Amino acid sequence: MDPFGEGTEETIERIDLIGRSTSFDISSFTYPDKIVLDPNNKLLRDSSELRASVQLALGNDRKDQGDYVGAVRAYEDALKINSQRSLTHFRLAEIFYEQFNLQSAADSFRNALNGDMDPQWIEVWCYIYLGKIYDILGQRQRAMAEYQKAINTKDDTNGAQAEAGKWISTPFVRKRTILGE
């Protein structure tokens, strides 16, 4: 048998790493055709998609903790990595909306609509939020047009169709609250 011939077996070896570097040897009866480190792409993976996902998750955590400034920073860092990620624009828009920063919220909802549209439910909810913003600003015709766009998507994620239908028939009203009152 030729020691440099092609092997017919595929083996997976596990190597425990300690610290920043670890030496190891790979024993083989034949000359390997190829060696693949981390074949399932779980450990050695570093990609812009992963970094953006980490920043998005960090923003979500900060938002849940009430740290809106930290959340906005994390979302903006995620957008620096991937400016087309609709979910990041949507989450940023939600914070602006909660803070009553309606122009920034509307811009971010529009950016979400112009992004990768993943997940798909973002479209319907962007239209609903844009409709609410226009209602708050007293622009009823524009609000109704956005609610109709939401209905036209036929996406009913989290009751979106009922929500849009409700605000088509009755204008959305949101009162500005002042802390300390």
N, C-alpha and C. Protein backbone atom coordinates (compact mmCIF):
# COMPACT_ATOMS: atom_id res chain seq x y z
N MET A 1 0.84 -1.18 0.00
CA MET A 1 0.00 0.00 0.00
C MET A 1 0.89 1.24 0.00
N ASP A 2 0.56 2.19 -0.86
CA ASP A 2 1.32 3.44 -0.99
C ASP A 2 1.00 4.35 0.21
N PRO A 3 2.00 4.74 1.03
CA PRO A 3 1.71 5.58 2.19
C PRO A 3 1.22 6.97 1.81
N PHE A 4 1.42 7.37 0.55
CA PHE A 4 0.94 8.69 0.13
C PHE A 4 -0.30 8.58 -0.75
N GLY A 5 -0.91 7.41 -0.80
CA GLY A 5 -2.13 7.22 -1.60
C GLY A 5 -3.33 7.84 -0.92
N GLU A 6 -4.41 7.91 -1.64
CA GLU A 6 -5.62 8.51 -1.11
C GLU A 6 -6.28 7.58 -0.11
N GLY A 7 -6.68 8.12 0.99
CA GLY A 7 -7.40 7.35 1.99
C GLY A 7 -8.88 7.32 1.66
N THR A 8 -9.53 6.34 2.17
CA THR A 8 -10.96 6.23 1.93
C THR A 8 -11.77 6.57 3.16
N GLU A 9 -11.09 6.76 4.28
CA GLU A 9 -11.79 7.06 5.52
C GLU A 9 -11.78 8.56 5.79
N GLU A 10 -12.88 8.99 6.34
CA GLU A 10 -12.95 10.38 6.80
C GLU A 10 -13.05 10.31 8.31
N THR A 11 -12.15 10.96 8.98
CA THR A 11 -12.17 10.95 10.44
C THR A 11 -12.28 12.37 10.96
N ILE A 12 -12.90 12.45 12.09
CA ILE A 12 -13.01 13.74 12.77
C ILE A 12 -12.30 13.58 14.10
N GLU A 13 -11.34 14.43 14.34
CA GLU A 13 -10.57 14.41 15.58
C GLU A 13 -10.94 15.63 16.40
N ARG A 14 -11.08 15.44 17.69
CA ARG A 14 -11.35 16.55 18.60
C ARG A 14 -10.05 16.90 19.30
N ILE A 15 -9.73 18.18 19.32
CA ILE A 15 -8.51 18.65 19.98
C ILE A 15 -8.92 19.70 20.99
N ASP A 16 -8.61 19.46 22.24
CA ASP A 16 -8.92 20.43 23.29
C ASP A 16 -7.84 21.50 23.32
N LEU A 17 -8.26 22.71 23.23
CA LEU A 17 -7.32 23.84 23.24
C LEU A 17 -7.28 24.45 24.62
N ILE A 18 -6.08 24.81 25.04
CA ILE A 18 -5.89 25.44 26.34
C ILE A 18 -5.12 26.73 26.12
N GLY A 19 -5.69 27.83 26.55
CA GLY A 19 -5.02 29.11 26.38
C GLY A 19 -5.14 29.62 24.95
N ARG A 20 -4.26 30.54 24.61
CA ARG A 20 -4.32 31.17 23.29
C ARG A 20 -3.76 30.30 22.18
N SER A 21 -2.92 29.32 22.53
CA SER A 21 -2.38 28.43 21.51
C SER A 21 -2.09 27.06 22.13
N THR A 22 -2.23 26.04 21.33
CA THR A 22 -1.98 24.67 21.77
C THR A 22 -1.35 23.92 20.61
N SER A 23 -0.26 23.21 20.90
CA SER A 23 0.37 22.38 19.87
C SER A 23 -0.36 21.05 19.81
N PHE A 24 -0.43 20.49 18.60
CA PHE A 24 -1.05 19.18 18.46
C PHE A 24 -0.49 18.49 17.24
N ASP A 25 -0.61 17.17 17.23
CA ASP A 25 -0.19 16.33 16.10
C ASP A 25 -1.40 15.59 15.57
N ILE A 26 -1.40 15.38 14.29
CA ILE A 26 -2.45 14.59 13.65
C ILE A 26 -1.79 13.37 13.04
N SER A 27 -2.22 12.18 13.48
CA SER A 27 -1.66 10.93 12.95
C SER A 27 -2.59 10.40 11.87
N SER A 28 -1.96 9.92 10.79
CA SER A 28 -2.74 9.39 9.68
C SER A 28 -1.96 8.26 9.02
N PHE A 29 -2.66 7.21 8.57
CA PHE A 29 -2.01 6.11 7.87
C PHE A 29 -1.63 6.51 6.45
N THR A 30 -2.36 7.45 5.87
CA THR A 30 -2.08 7.91 4.51
C THR A 30 -1.90 9.43 4.54
N TYR A 31 -1.41 9.94 3.44
CA TYR A 31 -1.26 11.39 3.31
C TYR A 31 -2.66 12.01 3.20
N PRO A 32 -3.01 12.96 4.09
CA PRO A 32 -4.37 13.52 4.05
C PRO A 32 -4.62 14.31 2.77
N ASP A 33 -5.81 14.14 2.23
CA ASP A 33 -6.23 14.91 1.07
C ASP A 33 -6.47 16.36 1.48
N LYS A 34 -7.10 16.51 2.64
CA LYS A 34 -7.30 17.86 3.18
C LYS A 34 -7.58 17.78 4.67
N ILE A 35 -7.33 18.87 5.34
CA ILE A 35 -7.61 19.01 6.77
C ILE A 35 -8.53 20.21 6.93
N VAL A 36 -9.63 20.00 7.59
CA VAL A 36 -10.60 21.07 7.79
C VAL A 36 -10.70 21.34 9.29
N LEU A 37 -10.37 22.54 9.67
CA LEU A 37 -10.53 22.94 11.06
C LEU A 37 -11.93 23.51 11.26
N ASP A 38 -12.59 23.07 12.31
CA ASP A 38 -13.93 23.54 12.64
C ASP A 38 -14.89 23.33 11.47
N PRO A 39 -15.14 22.06 11.09
CA PRO A 39 -15.97 21.79 9.91
C PRO A 39 -17.40 22.30 10.02
N ASN A 40 -17.90 22.44 11.23
CA ASN A 40 -19.27 22.93 11.40
C ASN A 40 -19.32 24.45 11.60
N ASN A 41 -18.17 25.09 11.49
CA ASN A 41 -18.08 26.56 11.57
C ASN A 41 -18.70 27.10 12.85
N LYS A 42 -18.36 26.48 13.98
CA LYS A 42 -18.93 26.91 15.25
C LYS A 42 -17.95 27.68 16.12
N LEU A 43 -16.67 27.30 16.06
CA LEU A 43 -15.72 27.87 17.00
C LEU A 43 -14.81 28.94 16.43
N LEU A 44 -14.31 28.72 15.26
CA LEU A 44 -13.33 29.63 14.68
C LEU A 44 -13.96 30.68 13.77
N ARG A 45 -15.24 30.76 13.81
CA ARG A 45 -15.97 31.65 12.93
C ARG A 45 -15.83 33.10 13.39
N ASP A 46 -15.54 33.94 12.47
CA ASP A 46 -15.55 35.38 12.71
C ASP A 46 -15.96 36.03 11.40
N SER A 47 -17.11 36.58 11.40
CA SER A 47 -17.59 37.20 10.17
C SER A 47 -18.29 38.51 10.53
N SER A 48 -18.48 39.33 9.54
CA SER A 48 -19.20 40.58 9.79
C SER A 48 -20.63 40.28 10.22
N GLU A 49 -21.21 39.22 9.66
CA GLU A 49 -22.57 38.84 10.06
C GLU A 49 -22.63 38.50 11.55
N LEU A 50 -21.66 37.76 12.02
CA LEU A 50 -21.62 37.39 13.43
C LEU A 50 -21.42 38.62 14.31
N ARG A 51 -20.49 39.48 13.93
CA ARG A 51 -20.24 40.70 14.72
C ARG A 51 -21.48 41.58 14.76
N ALA A 52 -22.18 41.71 13.64
CA ALA A 52 -23.41 42.50 13.62
C ALA A 52 -24.48 41.87 14.50
N SER A 53 -24.58 40.55 14.48
CA SER A 53 -25.56 39.86 15.32
C SER A 53 -25.27 40.05 16.80
N VAL A 54 -23.99 40.05 17.14
CA VAL A 54 -23.60 40.27 18.53
C VAL A 54 -24.01 41.67 18.97
N GLN A 55 -23.76 42.67 18.13
CA GLN A 55 -24.13 44.04 18.46
C GLN A 55 -25.66 44.20 18.56
N LEU A 56 -26.38 43.53 17.67
CA LEU A 56 -27.85 43.56 17.72
C LEU A 56 -28.34 42.95 19.04
N ALA A 57 -27.78 41.81 19.42
CA ALA A 57 -28.18 41.17 20.68
C ALA A 57 -27.83 42.06 21.88
N LEU A 58 -26.66 42.70 21.82
CA LEU A 58 -26.27 43.61 22.89
C LEU A 58 -27.25 44.77 22.98
N GLY A 59 -27.64 45.32 21.83
CA GLY A 59 -28.63 46.40 21.83
C GLY A 59 -29.95 45.96 22.42
N ASN A 60 -30.39 44.76 22.06
CA ASN A 60 -31.65 44.23 22.61
C ASN A 60 -31.56 44.10 24.12
N ASP A 61 -30.43 43.59 24.62
CA ASP A 61 -30.24 43.45 26.07
C ASP A 61 -30.27 44.80 26.77
N ARG A 62 -29.56 45.76 26.19
CA ARG A 62 -29.52 47.10 26.80
C ARG A 62 -30.91 47.75 26.78
N LYS A 63 -31.64 47.54 25.69
CA LYS A 63 -33.00 48.09 25.60
C LYS A 63 -33.88 47.48 26.68
N ASP A 64 -33.79 46.16 26.85
CA ASP A 64 -34.59 45.47 27.88
C ASP A 64 -34.24 45.96 29.28
N GLN A 65 -33.00 46.41 29.48
CA GLN A 65 -32.57 46.92 30.78
C GLN A 65 -32.92 48.40 30.95
N GLY A 66 -33.48 49.02 29.92
CA GLY A 66 -33.83 50.43 30.00
C GLY A 66 -32.68 51.36 29.67
N ASP A 67 -31.56 50.82 29.22
CA ASP A 67 -30.39 51.62 28.85
C ASP A 67 -30.50 51.97 27.37
N TYR A 68 -31.33 52.97 27.06
CA TYR A 68 -31.59 53.32 25.67
C TYR A 68 -30.36 53.91 24.98
N VAL A 69 -29.55 54.64 25.71
CA VAL A 69 -28.34 55.21 25.12
C VAL A 69 -27.38 54.08 24.71
N GLY A 70 -27.19 53.12 25.60
CA GLY A 70 -26.34 51.97 25.28
C GLY A 70 -26.90 51.15 24.14
N ALA A 71 -28.22 51.00 24.11
CA ALA A 71 -28.86 50.25 23.03
C ALA A 71 -28.66 50.94 21.69
N VAL A 72 -28.86 52.24 21.66
CA VAL A 72 -28.68 53.00 20.42
C VAL A 72 -27.23 52.85 19.93
N ARG A 73 -26.28 52.94 20.84
CA ARG A 73 -24.87 52.79 20.46
C ARG A 73 -24.61 51.40 19.86
N ALA A 74 -25.16 50.37 20.50
CA ALA A 74 -24.95 49.00 20.00
C ALA A 74 -25.59 48.83 18.63
N TYR A 75 -26.82 49.35 18.45
CA TYR A 75 -27.48 49.24 17.15
C TYR A 75 -26.70 50.01 16.08
N GLU A 76 -26.20 51.19 16.43
CA GLU A 76 -25.42 51.95 15.47
C GLU A 76 -24.12 51.23 15.11
N ASP A 77 -23.50 50.56 16.09
CA ASP A 77 -22.30 49.76 15.80
C ASP A 77 -22.65 48.61 14.86
N ALA A 78 -23.81 47.99 15.07
CA ALA A 78 -24.25 46.90 14.19
C ALA A 78 -24.48 47.43 12.77
N LEU A 79 -25.02 48.63 12.65
CA LEU A 79 -25.28 49.21 11.33
C LEU A 79 -23.98 49.61 10.63
N LYS A 80 -22.94 49.93 11.39
CA LYS A 80 -21.65 50.21 10.78
C LYS A 80 -21.09 48.96 10.10
N ILE A 81 -21.41 47.80 10.68
CA ILE A 81 -20.95 46.53 10.12
C ILE A 81 -21.81 46.10 8.96
N ASN A 82 -23.13 46.24 9.10
CA ASN A 82 -24.07 45.84 8.04
C ASN A 82 -25.21 46.85 7.99
N SER A 83 -25.09 47.82 7.12
CA SER A 83 -26.08 48.90 7.04
C SER A 83 -27.39 48.48 6.39
N GLN A 84 -27.44 47.28 5.83
CA GLN A 84 -28.65 46.80 5.14
C GLN A 84 -29.52 45.90 6.01
N ARG A 85 -29.17 45.70 7.25
CA ARG A 85 -29.92 44.79 8.11
C ARG A 85 -31.19 45.46 8.63
N SER A 86 -32.32 45.05 8.11
CA SER A 86 -33.60 45.65 8.44
C SER A 86 -33.94 45.53 9.92
N LEU A 87 -33.64 44.40 10.53
CA LEU A 87 -33.99 44.20 11.93
C LEU A 87 -33.29 45.21 12.83
N THR A 88 -32.06 45.54 12.53
CA THR A 88 -31.33 46.53 13.32
C THR A 88 -31.96 47.91 13.16
N HIS A 89 -32.29 48.30 11.95
CA HIS A 89 -32.97 49.58 11.73
C HIS A 89 -34.31 49.60 12.47
N PHE A 90 -35.03 48.50 12.43
CA PHE A 90 -36.34 48.42 13.08
C PHE A 90 -36.19 48.59 14.60
N ARG A 91 -35.25 47.89 15.21
CA ARG A 91 -35.05 48.00 16.66
C ARG A 91 -34.62 49.41 17.05
N LEU A 92 -33.79 50.03 16.24
CA LEU A 92 -33.38 51.41 16.50
C LEU A 92 -34.60 52.33 16.40
N ALA A 93 -35.43 52.10 15.40
CA ALA A 93 -36.64 52.91 15.22
C ALA A 93 -37.57 52.78 16.42
N GLU A 94 -37.68 51.58 16.97
CA GLU A 94 -38.55 51.39 18.15
C GLU A 94 -38.09 52.25 19.32
N ILE A 95 -36.79 52.34 19.51
CA ILE A 95 -36.28 53.18 20.61
C ILE A 95 -36.61 54.64 20.34
N PHE A 96 -36.36 55.11 19.13
CA PHE A 96 -36.67 56.50 18.80
C PHE A 96 -38.17 56.78 18.99
N TYR A 97 -38.99 55.83 18.60
CA TYR A 97 -40.44 55.98 18.74
C TYR A 97 -40.81 56.09 20.23
N GLU A 98 -40.24 55.23 21.05
CA GLU A 98 -40.52 55.27 22.49
C GLU A 98 -40.06 56.59 23.11
N GLN A 99 -38.99 57.15 22.59
CA GLN A 99 -38.47 58.41 23.10
C GLN A 99 -39.17 59.62 22.49
N PHE A 100 -40.17 59.36 21.66
CA PHE A 100 -40.94 60.40 20.97
C PHE A 100 -40.07 61.21 20.01
N ASN A 101 -39.02 60.63 19.52
CA ASN A 101 -38.17 61.23 18.50
C ASN A 101 -38.72 60.74 17.15
N LEU A 102 -39.84 61.33 16.75
CA LEU A 102 -40.62 60.80 15.64
C LEU A 102 -39.91 60.88 14.29
N GLN A 103 -39.17 61.94 14.04
CA GLN A 103 -38.48 62.04 12.75
C GLN A 103 -37.42 60.96 12.61
N SER A 104 -36.62 60.76 13.67
CA SER A 104 -35.60 59.70 13.63
C SER A 104 -36.25 58.33 13.54
N ALA A 105 -37.36 58.14 14.24
CA ALA A 105 -38.08 56.86 14.18
C ALA A 105 -38.56 56.60 12.75
N ALA A 106 -39.18 57.60 12.14
CA ALA A 106 -39.69 57.43 10.77
C ALA A 106 -38.55 57.13 9.80
N ASP A 107 -37.44 57.84 9.95
CA ASP A 107 -36.29 57.59 9.08
C ASP A 107 -35.78 56.16 9.24
N SER A 108 -35.71 55.69 10.48
CA SER A 108 -35.22 54.33 10.73
C SER A 108 -36.20 53.27 10.23
N PHE A 109 -37.51 53.53 10.38
CA PHE A 109 -38.49 52.58 9.83
C PHE A 109 -38.36 52.52 8.30
N ARG A 110 -38.15 53.66 7.65
CA ARG A 110 -37.96 53.67 6.20
C ARG A 110 -36.68 52.93 5.81
N ASN A 111 -35.62 53.13 6.59
CA ASN A 111 -34.36 52.41 6.33
C ASN A 111 -34.57 50.91 6.46
N ALA A 112 -35.39 50.50 7.42
CA ALA A 112 -35.69 49.07 7.57
C ALA A 112 -36.40 48.54 6.33
N LEU A 113 -37.31 49.33 5.79
CA LEU A 113 -38.03 48.93 4.57
C LEU A 113 -37.11 48.86 3.36
N ASN A 114 -36.03 49.61 3.39
CA ASN A 114 -35.07 49.61 2.27
C ASN A 114 -33.93 48.64 2.48
N GLY A 115 -33.96 47.87 3.57
CA GLY A 115 -32.89 46.94 3.87
C GLY A 115 -33.16 45.55 3.31
N ASP A 116 -32.64 44.55 4.00
CA ASP A 116 -32.74 43.17 3.52
C ASP A 116 -34.10 42.51 3.79
N MET A 117 -34.97 43.19 4.51
CA MET A 117 -36.33 42.72 4.82
C MET A 117 -36.32 41.34 5.48
N ASP A 118 -35.37 41.13 6.36
CA ASP A 118 -35.29 39.88 7.11
C ASP A 118 -35.33 40.21 8.58
N PRO A 119 -36.31 39.72 9.30
CA PRO A 119 -37.41 38.84 8.92
C PRO A 119 -38.50 39.59 8.16
N GLN A 120 -39.35 38.82 7.52
CA GLN A 120 -40.35 39.38 6.61
C GLN A 120 -41.39 40.25 7.33
N TRP A 121 -41.71 39.94 8.60
CA TRP A 121 -42.72 40.69 9.33
C TRP A 121 -42.37 42.16 9.51
N ILE A 122 -41.12 42.51 9.31
CA ILE A 122 -40.70 43.91 9.49
C ILE A 122 -41.51 44.84 8.59
N GLU A 123 -41.80 44.39 7.38
CA GLU A 123 -42.52 45.25 6.44
C GLU A 123 -43.85 45.72 7.00
N VAL A 124 -44.68 44.79 7.44
CA VAL A 124 -46.00 45.15 7.92
C VAL A 124 -45.93 46.07 9.14
N TRP A 125 -45.01 45.76 10.05
CA TRP A 125 -44.93 46.57 11.27
C TRP A 125 -44.29 47.93 11.03
N CYS A 126 -43.41 48.06 10.06
CA CYS A 126 -42.89 49.38 9.70
C CYS A 126 -44.03 50.27 9.20
N TYR A 127 -44.87 49.71 8.34
CA TYR A 127 -46.00 50.49 7.83
C TYR A 127 -46.94 50.91 8.95
N ILE A 128 -47.20 50.02 9.89
CA ILE A 128 -48.08 50.36 11.02
C ILE A 128 -47.48 51.48 11.85
N TYR A 129 -46.21 51.35 12.19
CA TYR A 129 -45.56 52.41 12.98
C TYR A 129 -45.51 53.73 12.21
N LEU A 130 -45.22 53.68 10.92
CA LEU A 130 -45.22 54.92 10.13
C LEU A 130 -46.60 55.55 10.13
N GLY A 131 -47.64 54.72 10.02
CA GLY A 131 -49.01 55.23 10.10
C GLY A 131 -49.26 55.92 11.43
N LYS A 132 -48.83 55.30 12.51
CA LYS A 132 -49.01 55.90 13.84
C LYS A 132 -48.28 57.23 13.94
N ILE A 133 -47.07 57.30 13.41
CA ILE A 133 -46.30 58.54 13.45
C ILE A 133 -47.04 59.64 12.69
N TYR A 134 -47.55 59.31 11.49
CA TYR A 134 -48.30 60.32 10.74
C TYR A 134 -49.57 60.74 11.46
N ASP A 135 -50.24 59.81 12.13
CA ASP A 135 -51.42 60.18 12.93
C ASP A 135 -51.03 61.13 14.06
N ILE A 136 -49.95 60.83 14.76
CA ILE A 136 -49.49 61.69 15.84
C ILE A 136 -49.20 63.10 15.31
N LEU A 137 -48.65 63.16 14.11
CA LEU A 137 -48.31 64.46 13.51
C LEU A 137 -49.49 65.15 12.86
N GLY A 138 -50.66 64.50 12.91
CA GLY A 138 -51.87 65.10 12.33
C GLY A 138 -51.95 64.97 10.83
N GLN A 139 -51.25 64.03 10.25
CA GLN A 139 -51.25 63.81 8.80
C GLN A 139 -52.06 62.55 8.50
N ARG A 140 -53.37 62.67 8.66
CA ARG A 140 -54.26 61.52 8.60
C ARG A 140 -54.22 60.78 7.25
N GLN A 141 -54.21 61.51 6.15
CA GLN A 141 -54.20 60.84 4.84
C GLN A 141 -52.95 59.99 4.65
N ARG A 142 -51.82 60.52 5.05
CA ARG A 142 -50.57 59.75 4.95
C ARG A 142 -50.61 58.54 5.88
N ALA A 143 -51.18 58.73 7.07
CA ALA A 143 -51.30 57.62 8.02
C ALA A 143 -52.16 56.51 7.42
N MET A 144 -53.28 56.86 6.85
CA MET A 144 -54.17 55.86 6.27
C MET A 144 -53.49 55.12 5.11
N ALA A 145 -52.68 55.83 4.34
CA ALA A 145 -51.95 55.19 3.24
C ALA A 145 -50.98 54.14 3.79
N GLU A 146 -50.31 54.45 4.91
CA GLU A 146 -49.38 53.49 5.51
C GLU A 146 -50.13 52.28 6.08
N TYR A 147 -51.26 52.53 6.74
CA TYR A 147 -52.05 51.40 7.26
C TYR A 147 -52.54 50.51 6.11
N GLN A 148 -52.91 51.13 5.01
CA GLN A 148 -53.36 50.34 3.85
C GLN A 148 -52.21 49.50 3.29
N LYS A 149 -51.01 50.06 3.26
CA LYS A 149 -49.84 49.28 2.81
C LYS A 149 -49.65 48.07 3.72
N ALA A 150 -49.85 48.28 5.03
CA ALA A 150 -49.72 47.16 5.98
C ALA A 150 -50.75 46.09 5.67
N ILE A 151 -51.96 46.48 5.41
CA ILE A 151 -53.02 45.52 5.08
C ILE A 151 -52.68 44.80 3.78
N ASN A 152 -52.16 45.52 2.81
CA ASN A 152 -51.82 44.93 1.51
C ASN A 152 -50.73 43.87 1.60
N THR A 153 -49.91 43.89 2.65
CA THR A 153 -48.88 42.87 2.79
C THR A 153 -49.49 41.50 3.11
N LYS A 154 -50.69 41.50 3.68
CA LYS A 154 -51.39 40.29 4.11
C LYS A 154 -50.61 39.52 5.19
N ASP A 155 -49.62 40.14 5.76
CA ASP A 155 -48.84 39.53 6.84
C ASP A 155 -49.56 39.82 8.16
N ASP A 156 -49.88 38.76 8.89
CA ASP A 156 -50.62 38.92 10.15
C ASP A 156 -49.76 38.57 11.37
N THR A 157 -48.48 38.76 11.27
CA THR A 157 -47.59 38.47 12.39
C THR A 157 -47.98 39.33 13.59
N ASN A 158 -48.18 38.66 14.71
CA ASN A 158 -48.56 39.33 15.98
C ASN A 158 -49.79 40.21 15.84
N GLY A 159 -50.75 39.79 15.03
CA GLY A 159 -52.01 40.52 14.89
C GLY A 159 -51.90 41.81 14.11
N ALA A 160 -50.96 41.87 13.18
CA ALA A 160 -50.71 43.10 12.43
C ALA A 160 -51.93 43.55 11.63
N GLN A 161 -52.67 42.61 11.04
CA GLN A 161 -53.81 43.01 10.21
C GLN A 161 -54.90 43.69 11.05
N ALA A 162 -55.19 43.15 12.22
CA ALA A 162 -56.19 43.77 13.10
C ALA A 162 -55.71 45.14 13.57
N GLU A 163 -54.42 45.23 13.87
CA GLU A 163 -53.85 46.51 14.31
C GLU A 163 -53.98 47.57 13.22
N ALA A 164 -53.62 47.23 12.01
CA ALA A 164 -53.72 48.18 10.90
C ALA A 164 -55.18 48.55 10.64
N GLY A 165 -56.06 47.56 10.66
CA GLY A 165 -57.48 47.83 10.43
C GLY A 165 -58.07 48.74 11.49
N LYS A 166 -57.65 48.56 12.72
CA LYS A 166 -58.13 49.39 13.83
C LYS A 166 -57.79 50.86 13.59
N TRP A 167 -56.56 51.12 13.12
CA TRP A 167 -56.13 52.51 12.97
C TRP A 167 -56.57 53.12 11.64
N ILE A 168 -57.02 52.30 10.71
CA ILE A 168 -57.60 52.88 9.49
C ILE A 168 -58.94 53.52 9.83
N SER A 169 -59.70 52.88 10.70
CA SER A 169 -61.04 53.39 11.02
C SER A 169 -61.00 54.50 12.07
N THR A 170 -60.01 54.48 12.95
CA THR A 170 -59.91 55.48 14.02
C THR A 170 -58.48 55.97 14.10
N PRO A 171 -58.23 57.27 14.08
CA PRO A 171 -56.85 57.76 14.16
C PRO A 171 -56.16 57.33 15.46
N PHE A 172 -54.91 56.99 15.32
CA PHE A 172 -54.09 56.64 16.48
C PHE A 172 -53.77 57.91 17.25
N VAL A 173 -53.86 57.85 18.58
CA VAL A 173 -53.55 58.99 19.42
C VAL A 173 -52.55 58.54 20.48
N ARG A 174 -51.48 59.25 20.57
CA ARG A 174 -50.48 58.98 21.61
C ARG A 174 -50.13 60.29 22.26
N LYS A 175 -50.34 60.33 23.54
CA LYS A 175 -50.04 61.56 24.26
C LYS A 175 -48.60 61.52 24.70
N ARG A 176 -47.98 62.65 24.63
CA ARG A 176 -46.59 62.78 25.10
C ARG A 176 -46.61 62.81 26.62
N THR A 177 -45.76 62.04 27.23
CA THR A 177 -45.68 62.03 28.68
C THR A 177 -44.45 62.79 29.13
N ILE A 178 -44.58 63.41 30.27
CA ILE A 178 -43.46 64.18 30.84
C ILE A 178 -43.08 63.49 32.14
N LEU A 179 -41.81 63.16 32.28
CA LEU A 179 -41.35 62.50 33.49
C LEU A 179 -41.58 63.38 34.69
N GLY A 180 -42.02 62.76 35.79
CA GLY A 180 -42.22 63.51 37.03
C GLY A 180 -43.64 63.99 37.22
N GLU A 181 -44.51 63.79 36.26
CA GLU A 181 -45.91 64.22 36.44
C GLU A 181 -46.78 63.06 36.80
